[in-house]
Amino acid sequence: MKLWEIILIVSVFIWTILPLFYRSHENFFYFLFLGLNDFLSYTFYISSLWSSQILTIPFHYLIIVFFYRKDFAKKKWLLLGLIPSIYAAFNVTHYAQNITILIFHIIFFFMFLKPFITAYFYSNKIEIFYMVLLFYELINIFKLFAFIKDISSGIEVYYVGTIIQISIGIFLIFYSFRKKVELANS
């Protein structure tokens, strides 16, 4: 087994179990759809059934739809956007898919920036959780940009970025335990 495959398997495992630690969190669907995307993409890759990127656009679209899950009941019509995202997943080039995914990650960055800034200005505190997710999104943006623009050798960017993202996933698992202990003690 090659090093990149080991890194990929560890990353898929971490990001697939991460939603279990954030079931009642407002960002549960973010973790759920990222984890499902990783798991199914890896499954498609090893089975050679479909392109490993085939579900990435629809799952990223679902992250946006479900991001504010308490508002979802009012906005079910947004699920109609899933139809063009599925069409795009099957009918556009890999380059266009990567540009679309890059745009999604830029949107996610700003979606996490809002609560980070709000917490800072209203409570005068830095929310570590959102700061970590902002960093995670910056890494995704950089990896996609480097891949799209063919900067350097993509494999080095992949190694470094994915190892940092694995570390972020492990941090978020331990962070959820810490938060649960804090809630139990208060």
N, C-alpha and C. Protein backbone atom coordinates (compact mmCIF):
# COMPACT_ATOMS: atom_id res chain seq x y z
N MET A 1 0.85 -1.18 0.00
CA MET A 1 0.00 0.00 0.00
C MET A 1 0.90 1.24 0.00
N LYS A 2 0.55 2.17 -0.85
CA LYS A 2 1.36 3.39 -0.98
C LYS A 2 1.00 4.38 0.12
N LEU A 3 1.92 5.32 0.38
CA LEU A 3 1.73 6.30 1.43
C LEU A 3 0.47 7.13 1.23
N TRP A 4 0.20 7.56 -0.01
CA TRP A 4 -0.98 8.38 -0.25
C TRP A 4 -2.26 7.62 0.03
N GLU A 5 -2.24 6.27 -0.19
CA GLU A 5 -3.42 5.47 0.09
C GLU A 5 -3.67 5.35 1.59
N ILE A 6 -2.60 5.23 2.35
CA ILE A 6 -2.73 5.18 3.82
C ILE A 6 -3.28 6.50 4.34
N ILE A 7 -2.74 7.60 3.84
CA ILE A 7 -3.22 8.92 4.24
C ILE A 7 -4.70 9.07 3.87
N LEU A 8 -5.05 8.62 2.70
CA LEU A 8 -6.44 8.70 2.24
C LEU A 8 -7.37 7.89 3.15
N ILE A 9 -6.98 6.66 3.48
CA ILE A 9 -7.82 5.80 4.33
C ILE A 9 -7.99 6.41 5.72
N VAL A 10 -6.91 6.92 6.30
CA VAL A 10 -7.01 7.56 7.63
C VAL A 10 -7.91 8.78 7.56
N SER A 11 -7.75 9.58 6.52
CA SER A 11 -8.59 10.77 6.36
C SER A 11 -10.06 10.40 6.22
N VAL A 12 -10.34 9.42 5.38
CA VAL A 12 -11.73 8.97 5.18
C VAL A 12 -12.31 8.47 6.50
N PHE A 13 -11.53 7.70 7.25
CA PHE A 13 -12.01 7.18 8.53
C PHE A 13 -12.34 8.31 9.50
N ILE A 14 -11.41 9.26 9.67
CA ILE A 14 -11.61 10.36 10.62
C ILE A 14 -12.83 11.18 10.23
N TRP A 15 -12.93 11.56 8.97
CA TRP A 15 -14.03 12.44 8.55
C TRP A 15 -15.36 11.70 8.40
N THR A 16 -15.32 10.36 8.35
CA THR A 16 -16.56 9.58 8.34
C THR A 16 -17.13 9.43 9.74
N ILE A 17 -16.27 9.30 10.75
CA ILE A 17 -16.77 9.16 12.12
C ILE A 17 -17.05 10.50 12.79
N LEU A 18 -16.50 11.57 12.27
CA LEU A 18 -16.66 12.90 12.88
C LEU A 18 -18.12 13.30 13.11
N PRO A 19 -19.05 13.03 12.17
CA PRO A 19 -20.45 13.41 12.43
C PRO A 19 -21.03 12.77 13.69
N LEU A 20 -20.53 11.60 14.07
CA LEU A 20 -21.03 10.95 15.28
C LEU A 20 -20.79 11.80 16.53
N PHE A 21 -19.77 12.61 16.50
CA PHE A 21 -19.43 13.45 17.66
C PHE A 21 -20.16 14.79 17.65
N TYR A 22 -20.84 15.09 16.56
CA TYR A 22 -21.52 16.38 16.42
C TYR A 22 -23.00 16.20 16.03
N ARG A 23 -23.61 15.10 16.50
CA ARG A 23 -25.00 14.79 16.14
C ARG A 23 -25.97 15.91 16.51
N SER A 24 -25.79 16.51 17.65
CA SER A 24 -26.74 17.55 18.08
C SER A 24 -26.22 18.97 17.80
N HIS A 25 -25.12 19.07 17.13
CA HIS A 25 -24.53 20.38 16.83
C HIS A 25 -25.20 21.00 15.61
N GLU A 26 -25.22 22.32 15.57
CA GLU A 26 -25.85 23.02 14.44
C GLU A 26 -25.15 22.75 13.11
N ASN A 27 -23.90 22.32 13.14
CA ASN A 27 -23.16 22.03 11.91
C ASN A 27 -23.06 20.54 11.61
N PHE A 28 -23.98 19.77 12.17
CA PHE A 28 -23.98 18.32 11.98
C PHE A 28 -23.96 17.94 10.50
N PHE A 29 -24.82 18.59 9.70
CA PHE A 29 -24.93 18.20 8.30
C PHE A 29 -23.66 18.54 7.51
N TYR A 30 -22.93 19.54 7.92
CA TYR A 30 -21.64 19.85 7.30
C TYR A 30 -20.72 18.63 7.44
N PHE A 31 -20.61 18.14 8.68
CA PHE A 31 -19.75 16.98 8.93
C PHE A 31 -20.32 15.71 8.29
N LEU A 32 -21.63 15.55 8.33
CA LEU A 32 -22.27 14.36 7.76
C LEU A 32 -22.01 14.27 6.26
N PHE A 33 -22.28 15.35 5.53
CA PHE A 33 -22.13 15.28 4.08
C PHE A 33 -20.66 15.23 3.66
N LEU A 34 -19.76 15.88 4.41
CA LEU A 34 -18.33 15.73 4.10
C LEU A 34 -17.89 14.29 4.33
N GLY A 35 -18.34 13.70 5.44
CA GLY A 35 -17.98 12.32 5.74
C GLY A 35 -18.54 11.34 4.72
N LEU A 36 -19.82 11.52 4.36
CA LEU A 36 -20.42 10.65 3.34
C LEU A 36 -19.72 10.80 2.00
N ASN A 37 -19.39 12.04 1.66
CA ASN A 37 -18.69 12.29 0.40
C ASN A 37 -17.35 11.56 0.39
N ASP A 38 -16.58 11.69 1.47
CA ASP A 38 -15.28 11.01 1.54
C ASP A 38 -15.44 9.49 1.44
N PHE A 39 -16.36 8.95 2.23
CA PHE A 39 -16.54 7.50 2.27
C PHE A 39 -16.99 6.96 0.91
N LEU A 40 -18.01 7.58 0.32
CA LEU A 40 -18.51 7.10 -0.97
C LEU A 40 -17.51 7.34 -2.10
N SER A 41 -16.80 8.47 -2.05
CA SER A 41 -15.77 8.72 -3.07
C SER A 41 -14.68 7.65 -3.01
N TYR A 42 -14.26 7.31 -1.80
CA TYR A 42 -13.25 6.27 -1.65
C TYR A 42 -13.79 4.92 -2.12
N THR A 43 -15.04 4.63 -1.78
CA THR A 43 -15.68 3.38 -2.22
C THR A 43 -15.74 3.30 -3.74
N PHE A 44 -16.13 4.40 -4.38
CA PHE A 44 -16.17 4.42 -5.84
C PHE A 44 -14.77 4.27 -6.42
N TYR A 45 -13.79 4.89 -5.78
CA TYR A 45 -12.41 4.81 -6.26
C TYR A 45 -11.91 3.37 -6.24
N ILE A 46 -12.11 2.67 -5.12
CA ILE A 46 -11.56 1.31 -5.03
C ILE A 46 -12.37 0.30 -5.85
N SER A 47 -13.66 0.60 -6.06
CA SER A 47 -14.49 -0.33 -6.83
C SER A 47 -14.47 -0.01 -8.32
N SER A 48 -13.97 1.14 -8.69
CA SER A 48 -13.94 1.62 -10.07
C SER A 48 -15.33 1.64 -10.71
N LEU A 49 -16.34 1.80 -9.88
CA LEU A 49 -17.73 1.85 -10.35
C LEU A 49 -17.99 3.14 -11.12
N TRP A 50 -17.76 4.26 -10.44
CA TRP A 50 -17.95 5.58 -11.01
C TRP A 50 -16.74 6.42 -10.66
N SER A 51 -16.72 7.61 -11.20
CA SER A 51 -15.66 8.55 -10.82
C SER A 51 -15.80 8.84 -9.33
N SER A 52 -14.67 8.97 -8.68
CA SER A 52 -14.71 9.24 -7.23
C SER A 52 -15.26 10.62 -6.93
N GLN A 53 -15.34 11.49 -7.93
CA GLN A 53 -15.84 12.85 -7.71
C GLN A 53 -17.34 12.98 -8.00
N ILE A 54 -17.98 11.91 -8.39
CA ILE A 54 -19.34 12.00 -8.93
C ILE A 54 -20.35 12.59 -7.94
N LEU A 55 -20.19 12.34 -6.65
CA LEU A 55 -21.15 12.83 -5.67
C LEU A 55 -20.70 14.11 -4.96
N THR A 56 -19.52 14.58 -5.28
CA THR A 56 -18.96 15.71 -4.55
C THR A 56 -19.81 16.97 -4.72
N ILE A 57 -20.21 17.30 -5.91
CA ILE A 57 -21.03 18.50 -6.13
C ILE A 57 -22.38 18.39 -5.42
N PRO A 58 -23.12 17.27 -5.59
CA PRO A 58 -24.39 17.19 -4.86
C PRO A 58 -24.24 17.26 -3.34
N PHE A 59 -23.22 16.58 -2.79
CA PHE A 59 -23.03 16.63 -1.33
C PHE A 59 -22.66 18.04 -0.86
N HIS A 60 -21.84 18.72 -1.63
CA HIS A 60 -21.47 20.09 -1.26
C HIS A 60 -22.69 21.02 -1.35
N TYR A 61 -23.52 20.78 -2.34
CA TYR A 61 -24.76 21.57 -2.42
C TYR A 61 -25.63 21.30 -1.20
N LEU A 62 -25.74 20.04 -0.79
CA LEU A 62 -26.55 19.71 0.38
C LEU A 62 -26.01 20.35 1.66
N ILE A 63 -24.71 20.51 1.75
CA ILE A 63 -24.14 21.19 2.92
C ILE A 63 -24.71 22.61 3.02
N ILE A 64 -24.77 23.29 1.89
CA ILE A 64 -25.31 24.65 1.90
C ILE A 64 -26.79 24.64 2.27
N VAL A 65 -27.55 23.73 1.68
CA VAL A 65 -28.99 23.66 1.96
C VAL A 65 -29.26 23.40 3.44
N PHE A 66 -28.51 22.48 4.03
CA PHE A 66 -28.76 22.08 5.41
C PHE A 66 -27.91 22.85 6.43
N PHE A 67 -27.12 23.80 5.99
CA PHE A 67 -26.21 24.48 6.91
C PHE A 67 -26.96 25.11 8.08
N TYR A 68 -28.02 25.78 7.78
CA TYR A 68 -28.83 26.37 8.84
C TYR A 68 -30.04 25.46 9.05
N ARG A 69 -29.82 24.34 9.71
CA ARG A 69 -30.84 23.30 9.76
C ARG A 69 -32.12 23.72 10.44
N LYS A 70 -32.07 24.69 11.34
CA LYS A 70 -33.31 25.13 11.98
C LYS A 70 -34.19 25.90 11.00
N ASP A 71 -33.59 26.46 9.95
CA ASP A 71 -34.36 27.19 8.93
C ASP A 71 -34.78 26.30 7.76
N PHE A 72 -34.35 25.05 7.77
CA PHE A 72 -34.59 24.19 6.61
C PHE A 72 -36.07 23.98 6.33
N ALA A 73 -36.89 23.84 7.37
CA ALA A 73 -38.32 23.57 7.17
C ALA A 73 -38.96 24.65 6.30
N LYS A 74 -38.47 25.87 6.39
CA LYS A 74 -39.01 26.98 5.60
C LYS A 74 -38.46 27.00 4.17
N LYS A 75 -37.38 26.27 3.94
CA LYS A 75 -36.68 26.39 2.66
C LYS A 75 -36.52 25.05 1.95
N LYS A 76 -37.49 24.17 2.07
CA LYS A 76 -37.39 22.85 1.43
C LYS A 76 -37.28 22.96 -0.09
N TRP A 77 -37.76 24.04 -0.64
CA TRP A 77 -37.69 24.25 -2.08
C TRP A 77 -36.25 24.28 -2.58
N LEU A 78 -35.31 24.55 -1.67
CA LEU A 78 -33.90 24.57 -2.06
C LEU A 78 -33.41 23.20 -2.54
N LEU A 79 -34.11 22.15 -2.13
CA LEU A 79 -33.72 20.81 -2.59
C LEU A 79 -33.85 20.66 -4.10
N LEU A 80 -34.64 21.52 -4.72
CA LEU A 80 -34.75 21.48 -6.19
C LEU A 80 -33.40 21.73 -6.85
N GLY A 81 -32.52 22.47 -6.18
CA GLY A 81 -31.18 22.72 -6.70
C GLY A 81 -30.33 21.46 -6.77
N LEU A 82 -30.79 20.41 -6.11
CA LEU A 82 -30.06 19.16 -6.15
C LEU A 82 -30.08 18.55 -7.57
N ILE A 83 -31.15 18.81 -8.30
CA ILE A 83 -31.27 18.27 -9.66
C ILE A 83 -30.16 18.78 -10.57
N PRO A 84 -29.95 20.11 -10.67
CA PRO A 84 -28.83 20.56 -11.52
C PRO A 84 -27.47 20.15 -10.97
N SER A 85 -27.35 20.01 -9.64
CA SER A 85 -26.04 19.61 -9.10
C SER A 85 -25.74 18.15 -9.46
N ILE A 86 -26.74 17.30 -9.48
CA ILE A 86 -26.54 15.91 -9.91
C ILE A 86 -26.23 15.87 -11.40
N TYR A 87 -26.97 16.65 -12.18
CA TYR A 87 -26.70 16.73 -13.61
C TYR A 87 -25.25 17.17 -13.86
N ALA A 88 -24.83 18.22 -13.15
CA ALA A 88 -23.47 18.72 -13.32
C ALA A 88 -22.44 17.67 -12.94
N ALA A 89 -22.72 16.90 -11.90
CA ALA A 89 -21.77 15.88 -11.45
C ALA A 89 -21.51 14.85 -12.55
N PHE A 90 -22.50 14.55 -13.34
CA PHE A 90 -22.36 13.53 -14.37
C PHE A 90 -21.97 14.09 -15.74
N ASN A 91 -22.14 15.40 -15.94
CA ASN A 91 -22.02 15.93 -17.30
C ASN A 91 -21.00 17.05 -17.50
N VAL A 92 -20.24 17.39 -16.50
CA VAL A 92 -19.23 18.43 -16.70
C VAL A 92 -17.84 17.81 -16.55
N THR A 93 -16.85 18.52 -17.04
CA THR A 93 -15.48 18.03 -16.96
C THR A 93 -14.98 18.05 -15.53
N HIS A 94 -13.89 17.34 -15.27
CA HIS A 94 -13.28 17.36 -13.94
C HIS A 94 -12.82 18.77 -13.58
N TYR A 95 -12.35 19.48 -14.57
CA TYR A 95 -11.92 20.87 -14.33
C TYR A 95 -13.10 21.71 -13.84
N ALA A 96 -14.23 21.62 -14.52
CA ALA A 96 -15.42 22.38 -14.11
C ALA A 96 -15.92 21.91 -12.74
N GLN A 97 -15.83 20.60 -12.47
CA GLN A 97 -16.21 20.10 -11.14
C GLN A 97 -15.31 20.71 -10.07
N ASN A 98 -14.02 20.76 -10.33
CA ASN A 98 -13.09 21.32 -9.34
C ASN A 98 -13.34 22.80 -9.11
N ILE A 99 -13.64 23.54 -10.17
CA ILE A 99 -13.97 24.97 -10.02
C ILE A 99 -15.23 25.11 -9.16
N THR A 100 -16.23 24.28 -9.43
CA THR A 100 -17.48 24.33 -8.66
C THR A 100 -17.23 24.00 -7.20
N ILE A 101 -16.43 22.98 -6.94
CA ILE A 101 -16.12 22.60 -5.56
C ILE A 101 -15.32 23.70 -4.87
N LEU A 102 -14.42 24.33 -5.59
CA LEU A 102 -13.68 25.48 -5.04
C LEU A 102 -14.65 26.59 -4.62
N ILE A 103 -15.62 26.88 -5.47
CA ILE A 103 -16.61 27.91 -5.15
C ILE A 103 -17.39 27.51 -3.90
N PHE A 104 -17.77 26.24 -3.81
CA PHE A 104 -18.47 25.77 -2.60
C PHE A 104 -17.63 26.00 -1.35
N HIS A 105 -16.34 25.68 -1.41
CA HIS A 105 -15.49 25.84 -0.23
C HIS A 105 -15.28 27.32 0.12
N ILE A 106 -15.26 28.17 -0.86
CA ILE A 106 -15.20 29.61 -0.57
C ILE A 106 -16.49 30.04 0.14
N ILE A 107 -17.62 29.52 -0.31
CA ILE A 107 -18.90 29.81 0.36
C ILE A 107 -18.88 29.28 1.79
N PHE A 108 -18.40 28.05 1.98
CA PHE A 108 -18.32 27.48 3.34
C PHE A 108 -17.45 28.35 4.23
N PHE A 109 -16.34 28.84 3.68
CA PHE A 109 -15.46 29.70 4.46
C PHE A 109 -16.25 30.90 5.00
N PHE A 110 -16.99 31.54 4.14
CA PHE A 110 -17.75 32.72 4.58
C PHE A 110 -18.91 32.33 5.50
N MET A 111 -19.46 31.15 5.33
CA MET A 111 -20.52 30.69 6.23
C MET A 111 -19.98 30.50 7.65
N PHE A 112 -18.74 30.05 7.77
CA PHE A 112 -18.13 29.89 9.09
C PHE A 112 -17.56 31.21 9.62
N LEU A 113 -17.22 32.10 8.71
CA LEU A 113 -16.68 33.39 9.13
C LEU A 113 -17.73 34.21 9.88
N LYS A 114 -18.97 34.12 9.46
CA LYS A 114 -20.05 34.89 10.10
C LYS A 114 -20.17 34.59 11.59
N PRO A 115 -20.34 33.31 12.01
CA PRO A 115 -20.44 33.07 13.46
C PRO A 115 -19.15 33.38 14.21
N PHE A 116 -18.01 33.23 13.53
CA PHE A 116 -16.73 33.55 14.17
C PHE A 116 -16.66 35.04 14.50
N ILE A 117 -16.99 35.87 13.52
CA ILE A 117 -16.96 37.32 13.71
C ILE A 117 -18.03 37.75 14.71
N THR A 118 -19.22 37.17 14.61
CA THR A 118 -20.31 37.50 15.52
C THR A 118 -19.91 37.22 16.96
N ALA A 119 -19.34 36.05 17.21
CA ALA A 119 -18.91 35.70 18.57
C ALA A 119 -17.84 36.67 19.07
N TYR A 120 -16.96 37.07 18.19
CA TYR A 120 -15.89 37.96 18.60
C TYR A 120 -16.43 39.35 18.95
N PHE A 121 -17.30 39.89 18.12
CA PHE A 121 -17.78 41.25 18.36
C PHE A 121 -18.84 41.34 19.45
N TYR A 122 -19.67 40.31 19.59
CA TYR A 122 -20.72 40.38 20.61
C TYR A 122 -20.29 39.83 21.95
N SER A 123 -19.41 38.84 21.97
CA SER A 123 -18.99 38.23 23.23
C SER A 123 -17.53 38.52 23.56
N ASN A 124 -16.85 39.15 22.63
CA ASN A 124 -15.43 39.47 22.81
C ASN A 124 -14.60 38.20 23.09
N LYS A 125 -14.95 37.12 22.41
CA LYS A 125 -14.18 35.88 22.55
C LYS A 125 -13.95 35.26 21.19
N ILE A 126 -12.88 34.51 21.11
CA ILE A 126 -12.55 33.82 19.87
C ILE A 126 -13.07 32.39 19.97
N GLU A 127 -13.94 32.03 19.03
CA GLU A 127 -14.49 30.68 18.99
C GLU A 127 -13.49 29.76 18.29
N ILE A 128 -12.85 28.90 19.07
CA ILE A 128 -11.84 27.98 18.54
C ILE A 128 -12.45 27.07 17.48
N PHE A 129 -13.66 26.59 17.73
CA PHE A 129 -14.33 25.68 16.81
C PHE A 129 -14.40 26.30 15.41
N TYR A 130 -14.89 27.53 15.32
CA TYR A 130 -15.03 28.17 14.01
C TYR A 130 -13.68 28.57 13.43
N MET A 131 -12.74 28.92 14.28
CA MET A 131 -11.41 29.25 13.79
C MET A 131 -10.77 28.02 13.13
N VAL A 132 -10.96 26.85 13.73
CA VAL A 132 -10.43 25.60 13.17
C VAL A 132 -11.12 25.28 11.85
N LEU A 133 -12.45 25.46 11.79
CA LEU A 133 -13.16 25.19 10.54
C LEU A 133 -12.78 26.18 9.44
N LEU A 134 -12.51 27.42 9.82
CA LEU A 134 -12.03 28.39 8.83
C LEU A 134 -10.67 27.96 8.27
N PHE A 135 -9.80 27.50 9.15
CA PHE A 135 -8.49 27.01 8.72
C PHE A 135 -8.66 25.79 7.81
N TYR A 136 -9.57 24.88 8.19
CA TYR A 136 -9.84 23.69 7.37
C TYR A 136 -10.30 24.10 5.97
N GLU A 137 -11.18 25.08 5.91
CA GLU A 137 -11.67 25.53 4.60
C GLU A 137 -10.57 26.22 3.80
N LEU A 138 -9.71 26.97 4.46
CA LEU A 138 -8.58 27.59 3.75
C LEU A 138 -7.68 26.52 3.13
N ILE A 139 -7.47 25.43 3.85
CA ILE A 139 -6.65 24.33 3.32
C ILE A 139 -7.34 23.73 2.09
N ASN A 140 -8.66 23.50 2.19
CA ASN A 140 -9.39 22.98 1.03
C ASN A 140 -9.27 23.91 -0.17
N ILE A 141 -9.43 25.20 0.09
CA ILE A 141 -9.34 26.19 -0.99
C ILE A 141 -7.95 26.15 -1.62
N PHE A 142 -6.92 26.11 -0.78
CA PHE A 142 -5.56 26.08 -1.30
C PHE A 142 -5.30 24.79 -2.10
N LYS A 143 -5.73 23.64 -1.56
CA LYS A 143 -5.53 22.37 -2.28
C LYS A 143 -6.22 22.39 -3.64
N LEU A 144 -7.44 22.87 -3.67
CA LEU A 144 -8.17 22.92 -4.94
C LEU A 144 -7.54 23.91 -5.91
N PHE A 145 -7.15 25.08 -5.39
CA PHE A 145 -6.51 26.08 -6.24
C PHE A 145 -5.20 25.53 -6.82
N ALA A 146 -4.40 24.87 -5.96
CA ALA A 146 -3.13 24.30 -6.44
C ALA A 146 -3.38 23.22 -7.47
N PHE A 147 -4.41 22.42 -7.26
CA PHE A 147 -4.74 21.35 -8.21
C PHE A 147 -5.23 21.93 -9.54
N ILE A 148 -6.10 22.93 -9.47
CA ILE A 148 -6.66 23.53 -10.68
C ILE A 148 -5.58 24.24 -11.48
N LYS A 149 -4.74 24.99 -10.79
CA LYS A 149 -3.69 25.76 -11.47
C LYS A 149 -2.43 24.94 -11.71
N ASP A 150 -2.42 23.69 -11.25
CA ASP A 150 -1.28 22.80 -11.42
C ASP A 150 0.00 23.43 -10.86
N ILE A 151 -0.14 23.99 -9.65
CA ILE A 151 1.00 24.59 -8.97
C ILE A 151 1.85 23.48 -8.38
N SER A 152 3.13 23.53 -8.64
CA SER A 152 4.07 22.55 -8.12
C SER A 152 3.59 21.16 -8.49
N SER A 153 3.97 20.23 -7.71
CA SER A 153 3.45 18.88 -7.89
C SER A 153 2.28 18.74 -6.93
N GLY A 154 1.14 18.39 -7.44
CA GLY A 154 -0.06 18.30 -6.63
C GLY A 154 0.06 17.32 -5.48
N ILE A 155 0.95 16.33 -5.61
CA ILE A 155 1.05 15.30 -4.58
C ILE A 155 1.60 15.87 -3.27
N GLU A 156 2.55 16.81 -3.34
CA GLU A 156 3.06 17.42 -2.11
C GLU A 156 1.98 18.23 -1.41
N VAL A 157 1.22 18.98 -2.19
CA VAL A 157 0.11 19.76 -1.62
C VAL A 157 -0.91 18.81 -1.01
N TYR A 158 -1.18 17.70 -1.69
CA TYR A 158 -2.12 16.70 -1.17
C TYR A 158 -1.64 16.15 0.17
N TYR A 159 -0.36 15.72 0.22
CA TYR A 159 0.18 15.15 1.46
C TYR A 159 0.06 16.13 2.62
N VAL A 160 0.61 17.30 2.44
CA VAL A 160 0.63 18.28 3.52
C VAL A 160 -0.79 18.69 3.93
N GLY A 161 -1.60 19.03 2.93
CA GLY A 161 -2.97 19.46 3.22
C GLY A 161 -3.79 18.39 3.91
N THR A 162 -3.70 17.17 3.42
CA THR A 162 -4.51 16.08 3.98
C THR A 162 -4.03 15.70 5.38
N ILE A 163 -2.73 15.72 5.61
CA ILE A 163 -2.23 15.42 6.96
C ILE A 163 -2.71 16.49 7.94
N ILE A 164 -2.68 17.75 7.54
CA ILE A 164 -3.21 18.81 8.40
C ILE A 164 -4.71 18.61 8.61
N GLN A 165 -5.44 18.22 7.58
CA GLN A 165 -6.88 18.01 7.72
C GLN A 165 -7.19 16.81 8.62
N ILE A 166 -6.37 15.78 8.59
CA ILE A 166 -6.52 14.65 9.52
C ILE A 166 -6.33 15.16 10.94
N SER A 167 -5.31 15.99 11.14
CA SER A 167 -5.05 16.56 12.47
C SER A 167 -6.23 17.40 12.94
N ILE A 168 -6.82 18.16 12.03
CA ILE A 168 -7.99 18.97 12.36
C ILE A 168 -9.15 18.06 12.75
N GLY A 169 -9.36 16.99 12.01
CA GLY A 169 -10.44 16.05 12.34
C GLY A 169 -10.25 15.44 13.72
N ILE A 170 -9.03 15.03 14.04
CA ILE A 170 -8.73 14.47 15.37
C ILE A 170 -8.95 15.54 16.44
N PHE A 171 -8.49 16.76 16.18
CA PHE A 171 -8.71 17.86 17.12
C PHE A 171 -10.20 18.07 17.37
N LEU A 172 -11.01 18.06 16.30
CA LEU A 172 -12.45 18.28 16.46
C LEU A 172 -13.12 17.16 17.25
N ILE A 173 -12.62 15.94 17.13
CA ILE A 173 -13.15 14.83 17.94
C ILE A 173 -12.87 15.10 19.42
N PHE A 174 -11.62 15.44 19.74
CA PHE A 174 -11.28 15.73 21.14
C PHE A 174 -11.97 17.00 21.63
N TYR A 175 -12.13 17.95 20.77
CA TYR A 175 -12.82 19.20 21.14
C TYR A 175 -14.27 18.91 21.52
N SER A 176 -14.92 18.00 20.81
CA SER A 176 -16.32 17.66 21.14
C SER A 176 -16.39 17.01 22.51
N PHE A 177 -15.39 16.17 22.86
CA PHE A 177 -15.36 15.57 24.20
C PHE A 177 -15.19 16.65 25.26
N ARG A 178 -14.30 17.59 25.01
CA ARG A 178 -14.06 18.67 25.97
C ARG A 178 -15.32 19.49 26.20
N LYS A 179 -16.01 19.79 25.12
CA LYS A 179 -17.25 20.57 25.23
C LYS A 179 -18.31 19.81 26.03
N LYS A 180 -18.40 18.50 25.82
CA LYS A 180 -19.38 17.70 26.56
C LYS A 180 -19.04 17.66 28.05
N VAL A 181 -17.76 17.59 28.37
CA VAL A 181 -17.35 17.61 29.78
C VAL A 181 -17.65 18.97 30.40
N GLU A 182 -17.38 20.04 29.66
CA GLU A 182 -17.69 21.38 30.16
C GLU A 182 -19.19 21.54 30.42
N LEU A 183 -20.02 21.03 29.53
CA LEU A 183 -21.48 21.12 29.71
C LEU A 183 -21.93 20.30 30.92
N ALA A 184 -21.33 19.12 31.12
CA ALA A 184 -21.71 18.27 32.23
C ALA A 184 -21.30 18.90 33.57
N ASN A 185 -20.19 19.63 33.58
CA ASN A 185 -19.70 20.24 34.82
C ASN A 185 -20.36 21.57 35.13
N SER A 186 -21.07 22.16 34.17
CA SER A 186 -21.66 23.47 34.44
C SER A 186 -23.08 23.39 34.95
